[in-house]
Amino acid sequence: MEKRLLSLLVLCIFFVIGEAAIKCYSCDYPDVKCGDNFAYTPSDAIECAGSCVKRSGKRSDGSYEVYRGCHSQTETYCHDAQYNGMSVTECFCNEEYCNSG
């Protein structure tokens, strides 16, 4: 009976740990591969605990800024926010490579 409980506990831990990290793209302005002409591949992604984020907005000089990376947020949603003095749209997602779009 103890072996069965131990096996079940190990299996549960395996599933929890396996889902604790997801792969997200990580890049930032002024990297031109990070913007609208996104040119990263899955091998460029990093492991994140939590969720992926994409933050995008227009700078005061008219250029477009995009940030992709990890975030502690665990819900999936988008919202408008202020970041470094500019209006941005932030989107959080919880699937592998989901911050590519």
Protein backbone atom coordinates (compact mmCIF):
# COMPACT_ATOMS: atom_id res chain seq x y z
CA MET A 1 0.00 0.00 0.00
CA GLU A 2 2.85 2.40 0.86
CA LYS A 3 4.55 1.77 -2.49
CA ARG A 4 1.32 2.58 -4.30
CA LEU A 5 0.91 5.86 -2.42
CA LEU A 6 4.52 6.77 -3.04
CA SER A 7 4.19 6.00 -6.75
CA LEU A 8 1.04 8.13 -6.95
CA LEU A 9 2.78 11.00 -5.15
CA VAL A 10 5.78 10.86 -7.51
CA LEU A 11 3.46 10.80 -10.52
CA CYS A 12 1.53 13.85 -9.23
CA ILE A 13 4.76 15.77 -8.60
CA PHE A 14 5.94 14.92 -12.13
CA PHE A 15 2.77 16.39 -13.66
CA VAL A 16 2.86 19.52 -11.51
CA ILE A 17 6.52 20.20 -12.27
CA GLY A 18 6.01 19.41 -15.95
CA GLU A 19 3.35 22.12 -16.24
CA ALA A 20 5.09 24.70 -14.07
CA ALA A 21 7.25 26.08 -16.87
CA ILE A 22 6.34 27.11 -20.40
CA LYS A 23 8.46 28.32 -23.28
CA CYS A 24 8.14 32.00 -24.18
CA TYR A 25 9.92 34.25 -26.64
CA SER A 26 12.14 36.87 -25.05
CA CYS A 27 13.16 40.00 -26.95
CA ASP A 28 12.87 43.75 -26.66
CA TYR A 29 12.96 47.04 -28.54
CA PRO A 30 15.03 48.05 -30.57
CA ASP A 31 15.57 44.48 -31.86
CA VAL A 32 13.86 44.65 -35.29
CA LYS A 33 13.27 40.86 -35.22
CA CYS A 34 11.04 41.40 -32.18
CA GLY A 35 8.49 43.74 -33.82
CA ASP A 36 5.88 43.26 -36.54
CA ASN A 37 8.35 41.26 -38.65
CA PHE A 38 8.78 38.73 -35.85
CA ALA A 39 11.66 36.46 -36.82
CA TYR A 40 12.44 34.29 -33.80
CA THR A 41 12.21 30.49 -33.77
CA PRO A 42 11.26 28.09 -30.96
CA SER A 43 14.96 27.47 -30.30
CA ASP A 44 15.19 31.17 -29.27
CA ALA A 45 12.56 30.76 -26.54
CA ILE A 46 13.27 30.62 -22.81
CA GLU A 47 11.56 28.72 -19.99
CA CYS A 48 9.20 30.79 -17.87
CA ALA A 49 7.40 30.12 -14.61
CA GLY A 50 4.03 31.82 -14.85
CA SER A 51 3.03 33.08 -18.27
CA CYS A 52 4.29 34.73 -21.42
CA VAL A 53 3.72 38.42 -22.10
CA LYS A 54 3.76 40.63 -25.16
CA ARG A 55 3.72 44.38 -24.58
CA SER A 56 3.48 46.73 -27.56
CA GLY A 57 2.96 50.44 -28.06
CA LYS A 58 3.99 53.53 -30.00
CA ARG A 59 6.81 55.72 -28.68
CA SER A 60 6.64 59.53 -28.71
CA ASP A 61 9.03 59.59 -31.70
CA GLY A 62 6.56 57.47 -33.71
CA SER A 63 8.55 54.22 -33.51
CA TYR A 64 6.85 51.05 -32.40
CA GLU A 65 8.15 49.24 -29.30
CA VAL A 66 7.57 45.56 -28.58
CA TYR A 67 8.64 43.52 -25.55
CA ARG A 68 8.19 39.75 -25.28
CA GLY A 69 9.11 37.74 -22.23
CA CYS A 70 8.00 36.14 -18.97
CA HIS A 71 5.56 37.41 -16.37
CA SER A 72 4.28 36.14 -13.04
CA GLN A 73 0.69 36.72 -14.17
CA THR A 74 -1.17 33.41 -14.57
CA GLU A 75 -4.42 34.47 -16.26
CA THR A 76 -4.82 34.84 -20.03
CA TYR A 77 -6.03 38.28 -21.09
CA CYS A 78 -5.09 41.55 -22.81
CA HIS A 79 -5.47 45.09 -21.49
CA ASP A 80 -4.34 48.63 -22.18
CA ALA A 81 -1.82 50.11 -19.75
CA GLN A 82 0.83 52.78 -19.27
CA TYR A 83 4.46 51.66 -19.46
CA ASN A 84 7.52 53.94 -19.48
CA GLY A 85 5.35 56.93 -20.38
CA MET A 86 3.57 55.37 -23.35
CA SER A 87 0.23 53.68 -23.92
CA VAL A 88 0.69 49.97 -24.52
CA THR A 89 -1.34 46.84 -24.98
CA GLU A 90 -0.22 43.97 -22.77
CA CYS A 91 -1.28 40.40 -23.49
CA PHE A 92 -0.63 37.50 -21.13
CA CYS A 93 -0.91 33.87 -22.28
CA ASN A 94 -0.17 30.43 -20.89
CA GLU A 95 0.71 28.19 -23.83
CA GLU A 96 4.08 27.36 -25.35
CA TYR A 97 5.37 30.12 -27.65
CA CYS A 98 2.08 32.03 -27.34
CA ASN A 99 3.66 35.50 -27.28
CA SER A 100 4.77 35.32 -30.93
CA GLY A 101 1.69 37.07 -32.38
